[in-house]
Amino acid sequence: MAREASPSRKIVTTAVAWAIGLAIFFPVLWTILTSFKTEAEAIASPPSFLLFDWTLENYAEVQERSNYLRHFWNSVVISIGSTLLGLVVGVPAAWAMAFAPSKNTKGVLMWMLSTKMLPPVGVLVPIYLLFRDGGLLDTRIGLVMVLLLVNLPIIIWMLYTYFKEIPADILEAARMDGAMLRAEILYVLTPMALPGIASTMLLNVILAWNEAFWTLNLTAAKAAPLTAFIASYSSPEGLFYAKLSAASTMAIAPILVLGWFSQKQLVRGLTFGAVK
């Protein structure tokens, strides 16, 4: 029987956890605070933490200079579109690898994961030329396709891990009851693995929302998401830190809110199957 941790150990563990959490969150907090400063206060040395003249002029100027809602809508369409298509492809693929594996299944999984180790700049030129010749540059469809392919290995790997935790006997019983493949996946497998599928979906939305390399290189204006919206405040004349911070805050706010309200579902999915 496991021994209960001592009160002092709990206090130390809690303090360390809070310290790590605050260290991770501090850059985000500093960005948010800088967005309410003037440009002069943003570059002042030593910097001020809370004792400064708060202002909303950066947000007003960002709204006047850029069409935030258009960039926001592009991010929503691209991230959700690539995620849904990824699940359409990833669920059957993960099912096949988990419940009908071949001798090459592990090799295929490792090969898919190895593609994430390839520097994106290594394939930028051929993909750019394909997009140019196919009329996909600066289009939402093009970005949905490239982000689908970029994140598909993670989707399949996560779903494969969750599906492996489901007893194959349950699916076998469904087949004996006459369930066809479509019904087996939709009505038996999917409900049982719903926490894992939900966490995979949430993680992929976050990855697609934060993707910068492909969005900056394959878009210009019409399909530019919020990552391009942030980059527009870096110019040859220099960095406007306060305005850049305001743009960054407006870009990360939706995904922060999503992560905050879905954190229980995300943690539940990421730990799905961890405890028998």
Protein backbone atom coordinates (compact mmCIF):
# COMPACT_ATOMS: atom_id res chain seq x y z
CA MET A 1 0.00 0.00 0.00
CA ALA A 2 1.38 3.38 -1.02
CA ARG A 3 2.44 5.68 1.77
CA GLU A 4 0.78 9.08 1.94
CA ALA A 5 3.12 11.97 1.18
CA SER A 6 4.11 14.10 4.17
CA PRO A 7 2.68 17.65 4.50
CA SER A 8 6.10 19.22 3.96
CA ARG A 9 6.61 17.24 0.76
CA LYS A 10 3.20 18.34 -0.51
CA ILE A 11 4.07 21.97 0.21
CA VAL A 12 7.40 21.70 -1.62
CA THR A 13 5.81 19.92 -4.58
CA THR A 14 3.06 22.53 -4.80
CA ALA A 15 5.55 25.39 -4.57
CA VAL A 16 7.73 23.91 -7.31
CA ALA A 17 4.68 23.34 -9.53
CA TRP A 18 3.55 26.96 -9.04
CA ALA A 19 7.08 28.23 -9.74
CA ILE A 20 7.29 26.27 -13.00
CA GLY A 21 3.81 27.37 -14.02
CA LEU A 22 4.56 31.04 -13.33
CA ALA A 23 7.87 30.81 -15.20
CA ILE A 24 6.09 29.40 -18.24
CA PHE A 25 3.26 31.95 -18.07
CA PHE A 26 5.44 34.99 -17.38
CA PRO A 27 6.31 35.76 -21.05
CA VAL A 28 2.59 35.74 -21.87
CA LEU A 29 1.83 38.00 -18.92
CA TRP A 30 4.65 40.36 -19.90
CA THR A 31 3.32 40.56 -23.47
CA ILE A 32 -0.15 41.41 -22.20
CA LEU A 33 1.20 44.12 -19.86
CA THR A 34 3.41 45.60 -22.60
CA SER A 35 0.38 45.91 -24.86
CA PHE A 36 -1.03 48.50 -22.45
CA LYS A 37 2.14 50.63 -22.43
CA THR A 38 3.26 53.43 -24.71
CA GLU A 39 6.15 52.70 -27.07
CA ALA A 40 8.48 54.71 -24.83
CA GLU A 41 7.48 52.76 -21.72
CA ALA A 42 7.73 49.47 -23.61
CA ILE A 43 11.46 49.96 -24.22
CA ALA A 44 12.24 51.76 -20.95
CA SER A 45 15.11 50.45 -18.83
CA PRO A 46 14.60 49.34 -16.15
CA PRO A 47 11.14 48.17 -17.23
CA SER A 48 8.07 48.90 -15.16
CA PHE A 49 5.81 46.05 -14.17
CA LEU A 50 2.52 47.59 -13.06
CA LEU A 51 3.40 51.22 -12.29
CA PHE A 52 2.92 52.80 -15.70
CA ASP A 53 0.28 54.83 -17.52
CA TRP A 54 -2.13 52.24 -18.89
CA THR A 55 -3.44 52.97 -22.37
CA LEU A 56 -5.59 51.34 -25.05
CA GLU A 57 -4.09 53.30 -27.92
CA ASN A 58 -2.13 50.31 -29.18
CA TYR A 59 -5.29 48.25 -29.57
CA ALA A 60 -7.05 51.14 -31.28
CA GLU A 61 -4.18 51.60 -33.73
CA VAL A 62 -3.98 47.88 -34.44
CA GLN A 63 -7.70 47.83 -35.21
CA GLU A 64 -7.36 50.82 -37.54
CA ARG A 65 -4.29 49.48 -39.32
CA SER A 66 -5.33 45.83 -39.77
CA ASN A 67 -8.49 43.86 -40.38
CA TYR A 68 -8.33 41.71 -37.27
CA LEU A 69 -11.61 39.91 -37.89
CA ARG A 70 -10.49 38.73 -41.33
CA HIS A 71 -7.26 37.30 -39.91
CA PHE A 72 -9.20 35.75 -37.02
CA TRP A 73 -11.69 34.10 -39.36
CA ASN A 74 -8.85 32.76 -41.53
CA SER A 75 -7.26 31.19 -38.43
CA VAL A 76 -10.55 29.60 -37.41
CA VAL A 77 -11.21 28.13 -40.86
CA ILE A 78 -7.64 26.89 -41.34
CA SER A 79 -7.18 25.35 -37.87
CA ILE A 80 -10.61 23.72 -37.62
CA GLY A 81 -10.64 22.67 -41.29
CA SER A 82 -7.25 20.97 -41.10
CA THR A 83 -8.22 19.32 -37.81
CA LEU A 84 -11.51 17.87 -39.06
CA LEU A 85 -9.90 16.56 -42.24
CA GLY A 86 -7.07 15.15 -40.13
CA LEU A 87 -9.58 13.19 -38.03
CA VAL A 88 -11.36 11.92 -41.15
CA VAL A 89 -8.05 10.50 -42.38
CA GLY A 90 -6.47 9.71 -39.01
CA VAL A 91 -9.26 7.70 -37.35
CA PRO A 92 -9.42 4.96 -40.04
CA ALA A 93 -5.62 4.91 -40.33
CA ALA A 94 -5.15 4.56 -36.58
CA TRP A 95 -7.88 1.87 -36.45
CA ALA A 96 -6.10 -0.16 -39.13
CA MET A 97 -2.74 0.10 -37.36
CA ALA A 98 -4.19 -0.68 -33.92
CA PHE A 99 -6.59 -3.53 -34.76
CA ALA A 100 -5.33 -4.89 -38.09
CA PRO A 101 -1.56 -4.43 -37.88
CA SER A 102 0.91 -5.87 -40.36
CA LYS A 103 4.59 -6.61 -39.93
CA ASN A 104 5.36 -3.13 -41.31
CA THR A 105 3.01 -1.18 -39.03
CA LYS A 106 5.68 -0.09 -36.55
CA GLY A 107 7.98 0.88 -39.39
CA VAL A 108 5.25 3.00 -40.98
CA LEU A 109 4.53 4.69 -37.64
CA MET A 110 8.21 5.51 -37.15
CA TRP A 111 8.49 6.79 -40.71
CA MET A 112 5.50 9.10 -40.19
CA LEU A 113 6.99 10.40 -36.96
CA SER A 114 10.36 10.93 -38.65
CA THR A 115 8.75 13.39 -41.07
CA LYS A 116 8.25 15.75 -38.11
CA MET A 117 12.03 15.86 -37.70
CA LEU A 118 12.52 17.27 -41.20
CA PRO A 119 13.18 21.04 -41.17
CA PRO A 120 10.24 22.69 -42.99
CA VAL A 121 12.62 24.93 -44.94
CA GLY A 122 14.01 21.79 -46.58
CA VAL A 123 10.78 21.26 -48.53
CA LEU A 124 9.65 24.86 -48.83
CA VAL A 125 10.77 25.34 -52.45
CA PRO A 126 9.01 22.29 -53.95
CA ILE A 127 5.83 22.94 -51.98
CA TYR A 128 5.89 26.61 -52.93
CA LEU A 129 6.25 25.70 -56.63
CA LEU A 130 3.44 23.15 -56.38
CA PHE A 131 1.20 25.73 -54.73
CA ARG A 132 2.11 28.35 -57.32
CA ASP A 133 1.40 26.07 -60.27
CA GLY A 134 -1.78 24.76 -58.67
CA GLY A 135 -3.16 28.21 -57.83
CA LEU A 136 -3.13 27.48 -54.10
CA LEU A 137 -0.92 30.35 -52.94
CA ASP A 138 -2.67 32.69 -50.51
CA THR A 139 -5.74 30.44 -50.25
CA ARG A 140 -7.39 28.87 -47.24
CA ILE A 141 -7.68 25.54 -49.05
CA GLY A 142 -3.93 25.48 -49.62
CA LEU A 143 -3.15 26.17 -45.96
CA VAL A 144 -5.68 23.58 -44.81
CA MET A 145 -3.98 21.00 -47.02
CA VAL A 146 -0.43 21.77 -45.90
CA LEU A 147 -1.33 21.93 -42.19
CA LEU A 148 -3.27 18.68 -42.56
CA LEU A 149 -0.15 16.98 -43.91
CA VAL A 150 2.13 18.63 -41.34
CA ASN A 151 0.07 17.54 -38.32
CA LEU A 152 -1.29 14.23 -39.62
CA PRO A 153 1.58 12.13 -38.11
CA ILE A 154 0.78 13.51 -34.64
CA ILE A 155 -2.94 12.84 -35.13
CA ILE A 156 -2.37 9.23 -36.20
CA TRP A 157 0.18 8.57 -33.45
CA MET A 158 -2.09 9.93 -30.71
CA LEU A 159 -5.17 8.10 -31.98
CA TYR A 160 -3.17 4.90 -32.40
CA THR A 161 -2.07 5.16 -28.74
CA TYR A 162 -5.64 5.66 -27.54
CA PHE A 163 -7.06 2.89 -29.72
CA LYS A 164 -4.48 0.41 -28.43
CA GLU A 165 -5.96 0.86 -24.94
CA ILE A 166 -9.37 -0.37 -26.11
CA PRO A 167 -9.83 -4.15 -25.82
CA ALA A 168 -10.06 -5.73 -29.27
CA ASP A 169 -12.63 -8.19 -27.89
CA ILE A 170 -15.22 -5.40 -27.79
CA LEU A 171 -14.83 -4.75 -31.51
CA GLU A 172 -14.86 -8.49 -32.17
CA ALA A 173 -18.17 -8.75 -30.31
CA ALA A 174 -19.57 -5.94 -32.43
CA ARG A 175 -18.54 -7.79 -35.60
CA MET A 176 -20.19 -10.98 -34.34
CA ASP A 177 -23.38 -8.96 -33.84
CA GLY A 178 -23.23 -7.98 -37.50
CA ALA A 179 -21.62 -4.54 -37.29
CA MET A 180 -19.95 -3.49 -40.53
CA LEU A 181 -16.65 -1.57 -40.58
CA ARG A 182 -18.33 1.85 -40.75
CA ALA A 183 -20.64 1.05 -37.83
CA GLU A 184 -17.76 -0.44 -35.87
CA ILE A 185 -15.72 2.75 -36.15
CA LEU A 186 -18.58 5.24 -35.74
CA TYR A 187 -20.76 3.57 -33.09
CA VAL A 188 -18.35 1.40 -31.10
CA LEU A 189 -14.79 2.67 -31.38
CA THR A 190 -15.41 6.43 -31.53
CA PRO A 191 -17.62 6.70 -28.39
CA MET A 192 -15.15 4.64 -26.36
CA ALA A 193 -12.15 6.69 -27.50
CA LEU A 194 -13.97 10.04 -27.38
CA PRO A 195 -11.71 11.59 -24.68
CA GLY A 196 -8.62 10.71 -26.74
CA ILE A 197 -10.18 11.97 -29.97
CA ALA A 198 -11.23 15.21 -28.28
CA SER A 199 -7.75 15.83 -26.89
CA THR A 200 -6.22 15.04 -30.29
CA MET A 201 -8.58 17.53 -31.89
CA LEU A 202 -7.82 20.24 -29.32
CA LEU A 203 -4.07 19.75 -29.62
CA ASN A 204 -4.20 19.87 -33.41
CA VAL A 205 -6.28 23.07 -33.34
CA ILE A 206 -3.64 24.66 -31.10
CA LEU A 207 -0.79 23.51 -33.35
CA ALA A 208 -2.54 24.76 -36.48
CA TRP A 209 -3.47 28.06 -34.82
CA ASN A 210 0.16 28.68 -33.81
CA GLU A 211 1.74 27.57 -37.09
CA ALA A 212 3.85 30.42 -38.46
CA PHE A 213 6.37 29.05 -40.97
CA TRP A 214 3.92 27.85 -43.60
CA THR A 215 1.41 30.63 -43.09
CA LEU A 216 4.05 33.32 -43.56
CA ASN A 217 5.54 31.70 -46.67
CA LEU A 218 2.37 30.58 -48.45
CA THR A 219 0.08 33.55 -47.82
CA ALA A 220 0.14 37.25 -48.56
CA ALA A 221 -3.15 38.96 -47.75
CA LYS A 222 -6.39 37.11 -48.51
CA ALA A 223 -5.78 33.93 -46.50
CA ALA A 224 -3.32 35.32 -43.95
CA PRO A 225 -4.16 34.08 -40.41
CA LEU A 226 -3.30 35.67 -37.08
CA THR A 227 0.35 34.56 -37.22
CA ALA A 228 0.78 36.76 -40.29
CA PHE A 229 -1.20 39.46 -38.49
CA ILE A 230 1.46 39.47 -35.74
CA ALA A 231 4.36 39.43 -38.20
CA SER A 232 3.03 42.53 -39.95
CA TYR A 233 4.14 44.60 -36.94
CA SER A 234 7.80 43.79 -37.57
CA SER A 235 9.11 46.24 -40.16
CA PRO A 236 12.47 47.39 -41.57
CA GLU A 237 12.10 50.56 -39.51
CA GLY A 238 12.28 48.49 -36.32
CA LEU A 239 10.05 46.73 -33.85
CA PHE A 240 7.12 48.58 -32.32
CA TYR A 241 7.04 46.57 -29.12
CA ALA A 242 3.82 47.94 -27.66
CA LYS A 243 1.84 47.52 -30.89
CA LEU A 244 3.45 44.12 -31.52
CA SER A 245 2.42 43.06 -28.01
CA ALA A 246 -1.14 44.28 -28.61
CA ALA A 247 -1.33 42.32 -31.87
CA SER A 248 0.13 39.24 -30.15
CA THR A 249 -2.36 39.50 -27.29
CA MET A 250 -5.27 39.74 -29.73
CA ALA A 251 -3.92 36.72 -31.62
CA ILE A 252 -3.34 34.44 -28.62
CA ALA A 253 -6.42 35.44 -26.62
CA PRO A 254 -8.87 33.10 -28.44
CA ILE A 255 -6.63 30.05 -28.11
CA LEU A 256 -5.86 30.87 -24.46
CA VAL A 257 -9.58 31.02 -23.71
CA LEU A 258 -10.14 27.74 -25.57
CA GLY A 259 -7.31 26.07 -23.66
CA TRP A 260 -8.57 27.39 -20.33
CA PHE A 261 -12.13 26.10 -20.77
CA SER A 262 -11.06 22.77 -22.29
CA GLN A 263 -8.12 22.01 -19.99
CA LYS A 264 -9.98 19.25 -18.13
CA GLN A 265 -10.92 17.55 -21.38
CA LEU A 266 -7.40 17.95 -22.71
CA VAL A 267 -5.78 16.47 -19.60
CA ARG A 268 -8.34 13.68 -19.49
CA GLY A 269 -7.61 12.79 -23.09
CA LEU A 270 -3.84 12.98 -22.72
CA THR A 271 -4.00 10.62 -19.73
CA PHE A 272 -6.58 8.32 -21.37
CA GLY A 273 -5.59 4.73 -20.64
CA ALA A 274 -2.81 5.69 -18.25
CA VAL A 275 -4.54 4.04 -15.29
CA LYS A 276 -6.04 0.59 -15.71
